[in-house]
Amino acid sequence: MKVFTIRNLCKTYHTGEVDVHALRDVSLDVDSGEFIVLLGPSGSGKSTLLNIIGGLDVPSSGQVLFGDQDLSAASESALTAYRRRHVGFVFQFYNLIPSLTVRENVALVTDIVSDPMPVDEAVDRVGLTPRRDHFPAQLSGGEQQRVAIARAIVKRPAVLLCDEPTGALDYETGKLVLDVIERINVELATTAIVITHNAAIAGMADRVVRLGDGRILGIENNAHKLRPAELSW
C-alpha cells in the first residue's frame, strides 16, 4: 500500500530578485513500512522534500498524496492535523525541554493525539527506562536523540521523518541511534524516511533516493540490507 504518491513536485524560493529552485520535477512513490534514505549533498533538496512530505511546507507546483489526502492542496489547519496524527519528526538537534525529565519530554505530545502509546513503552523502546527520570543535561547526546525518537513515536505515527539524526553524534553513538530507528521501522511497521549526506547509512535502507540540484538522480534498491552494527564510515 502506498503511503505517499509524489508527482512532478517543484519548490521555488524567491529571495529578492533571485529564484532558488529547491526541487525540480520530483516524482516518487513510498510504500507502507518502507525504510528510505534520501542521500545527497547540502543544497540537493533533501530537507525541502522532507518538509513538504511532513506538511511543514507546501510545493510551488506538483502533487503530494498521503494515502488519498492531497497535502499539496490542504489548508493550514488540515496540515496541522496531519502532522499531529500521522507524522513523527526527528531532527539533528534534539529540541528537548531542559526543565523536564525524559518521561515528561515524551509525555508532552500525548495530549494532541487520540490513541498515544503508553509513555513508559515509548521510553522503553528506545532503551531509556533506567534514565526516564533524568533531565536532558544529565544525558549524553545519543541518549537525548533517543528521547527525541521516543517523543516522535509515542503518537504511533504512520511515518517517521528523520533529518540528519546522527549528524551531531560520534560514530558509535550514531549507530546506536540508527539501530533504534531501524527497530521502530520493523517492530511498529512505521514508514521511515531518513535524510543524510553520509553514504554509508544508505546500506540499511530498502531504497536509496539520490538527490542533486533539486532533482532525483537515481533510485537504488538494496537487495541485502545491512544492520546498523554492520555500517562503517
C-alpha atoms as a PDB file:
ATOM      1  CA  MET A   1       0.000   0.000   0.000  1.00  0.00           C
ATOM      2  CA  LYS A   2       1.333   3.410  -0.941  1.00  0.00           C
ATOM      3  CA  VAL A   3       1.809   5.927   1.857  1.00  0.00           C
ATOM      4  CA  PHE A   4       2.986   8.774  -0.388  1.00  0.00           C
ATOM      5  CA  THR A   5       2.418   9.435  -4.067  1.00  0.00           C
ATOM      6  CA  ILE A   6       4.554  12.366  -5.240  1.00  0.00           C
ATOM      7  CA  ARG A   7       4.220  13.713  -8.753  1.00  0.00           C
ATOM      8  CA  ASN A   8       6.130  16.476 -10.564  1.00  0.00           C
ATOM      9  CA  LEU A   9       6.970  18.276  -7.334  1.00  0.00           C
ATOM     10  CA  CYS A  10       8.640  21.673  -7.642  1.00  0.00           C
ATOM     11  CA  LYS A  11       9.599  24.202  -4.990  1.00  0.00           C
ATOM     12  CA  THR A  12      10.974  27.658  -5.729  1.00  0.00           C
ATOM     13  CA  TYR A  13      12.005  30.173  -3.074  1.00  0.00           C
ATOM     14  CA  HIS A  14      12.010  33.839  -4.043  1.00  0.00           C
ATOM     15  CA  THR A  15      14.809  35.832  -2.403  1.00  0.00           C
ATOM     16  CA  GLY A  16      14.778  39.404  -3.620  1.00  0.00           C
ATOM     17  CA  GLU A  17      15.346  39.189  -7.365  1.00  0.00           C
ATOM     18  CA  VAL A  18      16.799  35.674  -7.149  1.00  0.00           C
ATOM     19  CA  ASP A  19      14.775  32.481  -7.576  1.00  0.00           C
ATOM     20  CA  VAL A  20      16.160  29.404  -5.830  1.00  0.00           C
ATOM     21  CA  HIS A  21      14.859  26.143  -7.313  1.00  0.00           C
ATOM     22  CA  ALA A  22      14.993  23.762  -4.341  1.00  0.00           C
ATOM     23  CA  LEU A  23      13.034  20.945  -6.063  1.00  0.00           C
ATOM     24  CA  ARG A  24      12.646  20.335  -9.774  1.00  0.00           C
ATOM     25  CA  ASP A  25      10.036  17.886 -11.080  1.00  0.00           C
ATOM     26  CA  VAL A  26      10.419  15.254  -8.342  1.00  0.00           C
ATOM     27  CA  SER A  27       8.248  12.123  -8.576  1.00  0.00           C
ATOM     28  CA  LEU A  28       8.383   9.286  -6.050  1.00  0.00           C
ATOM     29  CA  ASP A  29       6.179   6.591  -4.502  1.00  0.00           C
ATOM     30  CA  VAL A  30       6.695   5.462  -0.904  1.00  0.00           C
ATOM     31  CA  ASP A  31       5.203   2.183   0.308  1.00  0.00           C
ATOM     32  CA  SER A  32       3.899   1.452   3.786  1.00  0.00           C
ATOM     33  CA  GLY A  33       6.629   0.171   6.110  1.00  0.00           C
ATOM     34  CA  GLU A  34       9.494   1.122   3.797  1.00  0.00           C
ATOM     35  CA  PHE A  35      12.834   2.412   5.055  1.00  0.00           C
ATOM     36  CA  ILE A  36      14.039   5.059   2.618  1.00  0.00           C
ATOM     37  CA  VAL A  37      17.262   7.064   2.767  1.00  0.00           C
ATOM     38  CA  LEU A  38      17.393  10.419   0.976  1.00  0.00           C
ATOM     39  CA  LEU A  39      21.051  10.879   0.095  1.00  0.00           C
ATOM     40  CA  GLY A  40      22.769  13.937  -1.285  1.00  0.00           C
ATOM     41  CA  PRO A  41      24.988  16.919  -0.521  1.00  0.00           C
ATOM     42  CA  SER A  42      23.847  20.129   1.145  1.00  0.00           C
ATOM     43  CA  GLY A  43      21.556  22.058  -1.171  1.00  0.00           C
ATOM     44  CA  SER A  44      20.395  18.988  -3.085  1.00  0.00           C
ATOM     45  CA  GLY A  45      16.757  19.363  -1.966  1.00  0.00           C
ATOM     46  CA  LYS A  46      16.604  16.655   0.716  1.00  0.00           C
ATOM     47  CA  SER A  47      15.265  18.813   3.542  1.00  0.00           C
ATOM     48  CA  THR A  48      12.827  20.641   1.284  1.00  0.00           C
ATOM     49  CA  LEU A  49      11.379  17.326   0.116  1.00  0.00           C
ATOM     50  CA  LEU A  50      11.146  16.038   3.695  1.00  0.00           C
ATOM     51  CA  ASN A  51       9.476  19.253   4.878  1.00  0.00           C
ATOM     52  CA  ILE A  52       6.836  19.029   2.148  1.00  0.00           C
ATOM     53  CA  ILE A  53       6.196  15.340   2.863  1.00  0.00           C
ATOM     54  CA  GLY A  54       5.889  16.216   6.547  1.00  0.00           C
ATOM     55  CA  GLY A  55       3.416  19.036   5.989  1.00  0.00           C
ATOM     56  CA  LEU A  56       5.830  21.725   7.179  1.00  0.00           C
ATOM     57  CA  ASP A  57       5.998  23.365   3.753  1.00  0.00           C
ATOM     58  CA  VAL A  58       3.948  23.394   0.558  1.00  0.00           C
ATOM     59  CA  PRO A  59       5.143  22.902  -3.027  1.00  0.00           C
ATOM     60  CA  SER A  60       5.153  25.589  -5.697  1.00  0.00           C
ATOM     61  CA  SER A  61       3.635  23.044  -8.077  1.00  0.00           C
ATOM     62  CA  GLY A  62       3.034  19.324  -8.315  1.00  0.00           C
ATOM     63  CA  GLN A  63       1.147  16.994  -6.001  1.00  0.00           C
ATOM     64  CA  VAL A  64       1.792  15.064  -2.779  1.00  0.00           C
ATOM     65  CA  LEU A  65      -0.766  12.499  -1.657  1.00  0.00           C
ATOM     66  CA  PHE A  66      -0.730  10.859   1.779  1.00  0.00           C
ATOM     67  CA  GLY A  67      -2.945   7.894   1.040  1.00  0.00           C
ATOM     68  CA  ASP A  68      -5.833   9.701  -0.638  1.00  0.00           C
ATOM     69  CA  GLN A  69      -5.280  13.020   1.171  1.00  0.00           C
ATOM     70  CA  ASP A  70      -3.882  15.733  -1.097  1.00  0.00           C
ATOM     71  CA  LEU A  71      -1.307  17.531   1.063  1.00  0.00           C
ATOM     72  CA  SER A  72      -0.417  19.920  -1.744  1.00  0.00           C
ATOM     73  CA  ALA A  73      -3.963  21.359  -1.693  1.00  0.00           C
ATOM     74  CA  ALA A  74      -4.576  21.127   2.076  1.00  0.00           C
ATOM     75  CA  SER A  75      -5.363  24.107   4.297  1.00  0.00           C
ATOM     76  CA  GLU A  76      -3.021  25.056   7.131  1.00  0.00           C
ATOM     77  CA  SER A  77      -5.417  23.557   9.680  1.00  0.00           C
ATOM     78  CA  ALA A  78      -5.568  20.306   7.700  1.00  0.00           C
ATOM     79  CA  LEU A  79      -1.748  20.171   7.540  1.00  0.00           C
ATOM     80  CA  THR A  80      -1.567  20.766  11.294  1.00  0.00           C
ATOM     81  CA  ALA A  81      -3.972  17.875  11.906  1.00  0.00           C
ATOM     82  CA  TYR A  82      -1.944  15.695   9.513  1.00  0.00           C
ATOM     83  CA  ARG A  83       1.312  16.434  11.352  1.00  0.00           C
ATOM     84  CA  ARG A  84      -0.258  15.771  14.739  1.00  0.00           C
ATOM     85  CA  ARG A  85      -1.915  12.484  13.818  1.00  0.00           C
ATOM     86  CA  HIS A  86       0.392  10.858  11.337  1.00  0.00           C
ATOM     87  CA  VAL A  87       3.968  12.205  11.415  1.00  0.00           C
ATOM     88  CA  GLY A  88       6.825  11.854  13.879  1.00  0.00           C
ATOM     89  CA  PHE A  89       9.791  14.189  13.359  1.00  0.00           C
ATOM     90  CA  VAL A  90      13.405  13.642  14.457  1.00  0.00           C
ATOM     91  CA  PHE A  91      15.911  16.394  13.726  1.00  0.00           C
ATOM     92  CA  GLN A  92      19.679  16.725  14.036  1.00  0.00           C
ATOM     93  CA  PHE A  93      19.266  18.752  17.221  1.00  0.00           C
ATOM     94  CA  TYR A  94      17.078  17.272  19.908  1.00  0.00           C
ATOM     95  CA  ASN A  95      14.868  20.230  20.937  1.00  0.00           C
ATOM     96  CA  LEU A  96      14.207  18.812  24.395  1.00  0.00           C
ATOM     97  CA  ILE A  97      12.859  20.979  27.214  1.00  0.00           C
ATOM     98  CA  PRO A  98      15.699  21.237  29.766  1.00  0.00           C
ATOM     99  CA  SER A  99      13.427  21.545  32.807  1.00  0.00           C
ATOM    100  CA  LEU A 100      11.525  18.323  32.036  1.00  0.00           C
ATOM    101  CA  THR A 101      12.633  14.749  32.626  1.00  0.00           C
ATOM    102  CA  VAL A 102      12.913  12.140  29.884  1.00  0.00           C
ATOM    103  CA  ARG A 103       9.446  10.845  30.696  1.00  0.00           C
ATOM    104  CA  GLU A 104       7.947  14.352  30.838  1.00  0.00           C
ATOM    105  CA  ASN A 105       9.504  15.346  27.497  1.00  0.00           C
ATOM    106  CA  VAL A 106       7.962  12.292  25.858  1.00  0.00           C
ATOM    107  CA  ALA A 107       4.588  12.773  27.583  1.00  0.00           C
ATOM    108  CA  LEU A 108       4.291  16.329  26.246  1.00  0.00           C
ATOM    109  CA  VAL A 109       2.890  15.249  22.881  1.00  0.00           C
ATOM    110  CA  THR A 110       0.408  12.666  24.137  1.00  0.00           C
ATOM    111  CA  ASP A 111      -2.281  15.305  24.657  1.00  0.00           C
ATOM    112  CA  ILE A 112      -2.525  16.097  20.941  1.00  0.00           C
ATOM    113  CA  VAL A 113      -3.366  12.584  19.696  1.00  0.00           C
ATOM    114  CA  SER A 114      -6.314  10.308  20.366  1.00  0.00           C
ATOM    115  CA  ASP A 115      -4.515   6.990  20.902  1.00  0.00           C
ATOM    116  CA  PRO A 116      -0.949   7.533  22.118  1.00  0.00           C
ATOM    117  CA  MET A 117       1.407   4.752  23.072  1.00  0.00           C
ATOM    118  CA  PRO A 118       1.939   4.473  26.841  1.00  0.00           C
ATOM    119  CA  VAL A 119       4.794   6.851  27.662  1.00  0.00           C
ATOM    120  CA  ASP A 120       6.801   4.197  29.508  1.00  0.00           C
ATOM    121  CA  GLU A 121       6.536   1.882  26.494  1.00  0.00           C
ATOM    122  CA  ALA A 122       7.925   4.583  24.190  1.00  0.00           C
ATOM    123  CA  VAL A 123      10.792   5.239  26.611  1.00  0.00           C
ATOM    124  CA  ASP A 124      11.489   1.513  26.864  1.00  0.00           C
ATOM    125  CA  ARG A 125      11.521   1.078  23.074  1.00  0.00           C
ATOM    126  CA  VAL A 126      14.477   3.455  22.842  1.00  0.00           C
ATOM    127  CA  GLY A 127      16.273   1.761  25.749  1.00  0.00           C
ATOM    128  CA  LEU A 128      15.997   4.585  28.278  1.00  0.00           C
ATOM    129  CA  THR A 129      13.868   3.116  31.064  1.00  0.00           C
ATOM    130  CA  PRO A 130      16.734   3.393  33.591  1.00  0.00           C
ATOM    131  CA  ARG A 131      17.134   7.086  32.650  1.00  0.00           C
ATOM    132  CA  ARG A 132      13.476   8.076  32.456  1.00  0.00           C
ATOM    133  CA  ASP A 133      13.639  10.411  35.476  1.00  0.00           C
ATOM    134  CA  HIS A 134      16.807  12.178  34.324  1.00  0.00           C
ATOM    135  CA  PHE A 135      16.931  15.659  32.807  1.00  0.00           C
ATOM    136  CA  PRO A 136      18.443  16.355  29.369  1.00  0.00           C
ATOM    137  CA  ALA A 137      21.599  17.870  30.891  1.00  0.00           C
ATOM    138  CA  GLN A 138      22.241  14.524  32.603  1.00  0.00           C
ATOM    139  CA  LEU A 139      22.143  12.610  29.303  1.00  0.00           C
ATOM    140  CA  SER A 140      24.653  12.059  26.519  1.00  0.00           C
ATOM    141  CA  GLY A 141      23.950  13.336  23.007  1.00  0.00           C
ATOM    142  CA  GLY A 142      22.900   9.884  21.851  1.00  0.00           C
ATOM    143  CA  GLU A 143      20.551   9.484  24.806  1.00  0.00           C
ATOM    144  CA  GLN A 144      18.989  12.872  24.091  1.00  0.00           C
ATOM    145  CA  GLN A 145      18.433  11.855  20.474  1.00  0.00           C
ATOM    146  CA  ARG A 146      16.752   8.657  21.645  1.00  0.00           C
ATOM    147  CA  VAL A 147      14.440  10.773  23.821  1.00  0.00           C
ATOM    148  CA  ALA A 148      13.572  12.745  20.684  1.00  0.00           C
ATOM    149  CA  ILE A 149      12.760   9.476  18.894  1.00  0.00           C
ATOM    150  CA  ALA A 150      10.588   8.306  21.799  1.00  0.00           C
ATOM    151  CA  ARG A 151       8.743  11.633  21.677  1.00  0.00           C
ATOM    152  CA  ALA A 152       8.196  11.138  17.934  1.00  0.00           C
ATOM    153  CA  ILE A 153       6.893   7.571  18.166  1.00  0.00           C
ATOM    154  CA  VAL A 154       4.666   7.938  21.244  1.00  0.00           C
ATOM    155  CA  LYS A 155       1.993   9.302  18.869  1.00  0.00           C
ATOM    156  CA  ARG A 156       2.055   5.982  16.955  1.00  0.00           C
ATOM    157  CA  PRO A 157       2.803   7.865  13.709  1.00  0.00           C
ATOM    158  CA  ALA A 158       2.381   6.262  10.322  1.00  0.00           C
ATOM    159  CA  VAL A 159       5.568   7.981   9.189  1.00  0.00           C
ATOM    160  CA  LEU A 160       8.857   8.763  10.949  1.00  0.00           C
ATOM    161  CA  LEU A 161      10.819  11.560   9.247  1.00  0.00           C
ATOM    162  CA  CYS A 162      14.436  11.977  10.323  1.00  0.00           C
ATOM    163  CA  ASP A 163      16.626  14.891   9.192  1.00  0.00           C
ATOM    164  CA  GLU A 164      20.325  14.054   9.764  1.00  0.00           C
ATOM    165  CA  PRO A 165      19.530  12.197  13.020  1.00  0.00           C
ATOM    166  CA  THR A 166      23.196  11.220  13.536  1.00  0.00           C
ATOM    167  CA  GLY A 167      24.709  14.491  12.295  1.00  0.00           C
ATOM    168  CA  ALA A 168      25.674  15.730  15.768  1.00  0.00           C
ATOM    169  CA  LEU A 169      26.796  12.330  17.091  1.00  0.00           C
ATOM    170  CA  ASP A 170      30.018  10.354  17.081  1.00  0.00           C
ATOM    171  CA  TYR A 171      30.406   7.116  15.135  1.00  0.00           C
ATOM    172  CA  GLU A 172      29.399   4.569  17.792  1.00  0.00           C
ATOM    173  CA  THR A 173      26.590   6.694  19.223  1.00  0.00           C
ATOM    174  CA  GLY A 174      25.249   7.329  15.729  1.00  0.00           C
ATOM    175  CA  LYS A 175      24.976   3.607  15.096  1.00  0.00           C
ATOM    176  CA  LEU A 176      23.026   3.148  18.347  1.00  0.00           C
ATOM    177  CA  VAL A 177      20.525   5.789  17.218  1.00  0.00           C
ATOM    178  CA  LEU A 178      20.218   4.174  13.771  1.00  0.00           C
ATOM    179  CA  ASP A 179      19.546   0.851  15.485  1.00  0.00           C
ATOM    180  CA  VAL A 180      16.622   2.422  17.348  1.00  0.00           C
ATOM    181  CA  ILE A 181      15.201   3.885  14.123  1.00  0.00           C
ATOM    182  CA  GLU A 182      15.535   0.503  12.401  1.00  0.00           C
ATOM    183  CA  ARG A 183      13.724  -1.298  15.226  1.00  0.00           C
ATOM    184  CA  ILE A 184      10.860   1.211  15.134  1.00  0.00           C
ATOM    185  CA  ASN A 185      10.577   0.664  11.386  1.00  0.00           C
ATOM    186  CA  VAL A 186      10.495  -3.131  11.750  1.00  0.00           C
ATOM    187  CA  GLU A 187       8.605  -3.655  15.003  1.00  0.00           C
ATOM    188  CA  LEU A 188       5.934  -0.982  14.533  1.00  0.00           C
ATOM    189  CA  ALA A 189       5.812  -1.131  10.699  1.00  0.00           C
ATOM    190  CA  THR A 190       6.401   2.618  10.696  1.00  0.00           C
ATOM    191  CA  THR A 191       7.454   4.055   7.348  1.00  0.00           C
ATOM    192  CA  ALA A 192      10.858   5.685   7.906  1.00  0.00           C
ATOM    193  CA  ILE A 193      12.447   8.332   5.697  1.00  0.00           C
ATOM    194  CA  VAL A 194      15.934   9.413   6.741  1.00  0.00           C
ATOM    195  CA  ILE A 195      17.938  12.318   5.314  1.00  0.00           C
ATOM    196  CA  THR A 196      21.711  12.009   5.347  1.00  0.00           C
ATOM    197  CA  HIS A 197      24.794  13.119   3.460  1.00  0.00           C
ATOM    198  CA  ASN A 198      26.594  10.032   4.818  1.00  0.00           C
ATOM    199  CA  ALA A 199      26.594   7.445   2.017  1.00  0.00           C
ATOM    200  CA  ALA A 200      27.374   4.589   4.432  1.00  0.00           C
ATOM    201  CA  ILE A 201      23.937   4.887   6.067  1.00  0.00           C
ATOM    202  CA  ALA A 202      22.336   4.058   2.712  1.00  0.00           C
ATOM    203  CA  GLY A 203      23.241   0.410   3.280  1.00  0.00           C
ATOM    204  CA  MET A 204      20.442  -0.062   5.842  1.00  0.00           C
ATOM    205  CA  ALA A 205      17.657   1.247   3.579  1.00  0.00           C
ATOM    206  CA  ASP A 206      15.150  -0.647   1.469  1.00  0.00           C
ATOM    207  CA  ARG A 207      15.664   2.043  -1.157  1.00  0.00           C
ATOM    208  CA  VAL A 208      18.128   4.877  -1.586  1.00  0.00           C
ATOM    209  CA  VAL A 209      16.941   8.038  -3.324  1.00  0.00           C
ATOM    210  CA  ARG A 210      19.886  10.144  -4.524  1.00  0.00           C
ATOM    211  CA  LEU A 211      19.236  13.840  -4.983  1.00  0.00           C
ATOM    212  CA  GLY A 212      21.264  16.608  -6.582  1.00  0.00           C
ATOM    213  CA  ASP A 213      20.383  20.155  -7.631  1.00  0.00           C
ATOM    214  CA  GLY A 214      16.757  19.586  -6.596  1.00  0.00           C
ATOM    215  CA  ARG A 215      16.318  16.523  -8.788  1.00  0.00           C
ATOM    216  CA  ILE A 216      16.198  12.782  -8.204  1.00  0.00           C
ATOM    217  CA  LEU A 217      19.399  11.491  -9.793  1.00  0.00           C
ATOM    218  CA  GLY A 218      18.677   7.836  -9.152  1.00  0.00           C
ATOM    219  CA  ILE A 219      16.827   5.294  -7.009  1.00  0.00           C
ATOM    220  CA  GLU A 220      18.537   2.100  -5.862  1.00  0.00           C
ATOM    221  CA  ASN A 221      17.065  -0.974  -4.190  1.00  0.00           C
ATOM    222  CA  ASN A 222      19.156  -2.755  -1.581  1.00  0.00           C
ATOM    223  CA  ALA A 223      18.989  -6.492  -2.219  1.00  0.00           C
ATOM    224  CA  HIS A 224      20.785  -7.077   1.085  1.00  0.00           C
ATOM    225  CA  LYS A 225      20.125  -4.569   3.848  1.00  0.00           C
ATOM    226  CA  LEU A 226      22.830  -4.025   6.442  1.00  0.00           C
ATOM    227  CA  ARG A 227      22.208  -3.808  10.164  1.00  0.00           C
ATOM    228  CA  PRO A 228      23.415  -0.559  11.748  1.00  0.00           C
ATOM    229  CA  ALA A 229      26.162  -2.512  13.541  1.00  0.00           C
ATOM    230  CA  GLU A 230      27.497  -3.566  10.114  1.00  0.00           C
ATOM    231  CA  LEU A 231      27.825   0.007   8.842  1.00  0.00           C
ATOM    232  CA  SER A 232      31.189   1.749   8.794  1.00  0.00           C
ATOM    233  CA  TRP A 233      32.254   5.263   7.832  1.00  0.00           C
END
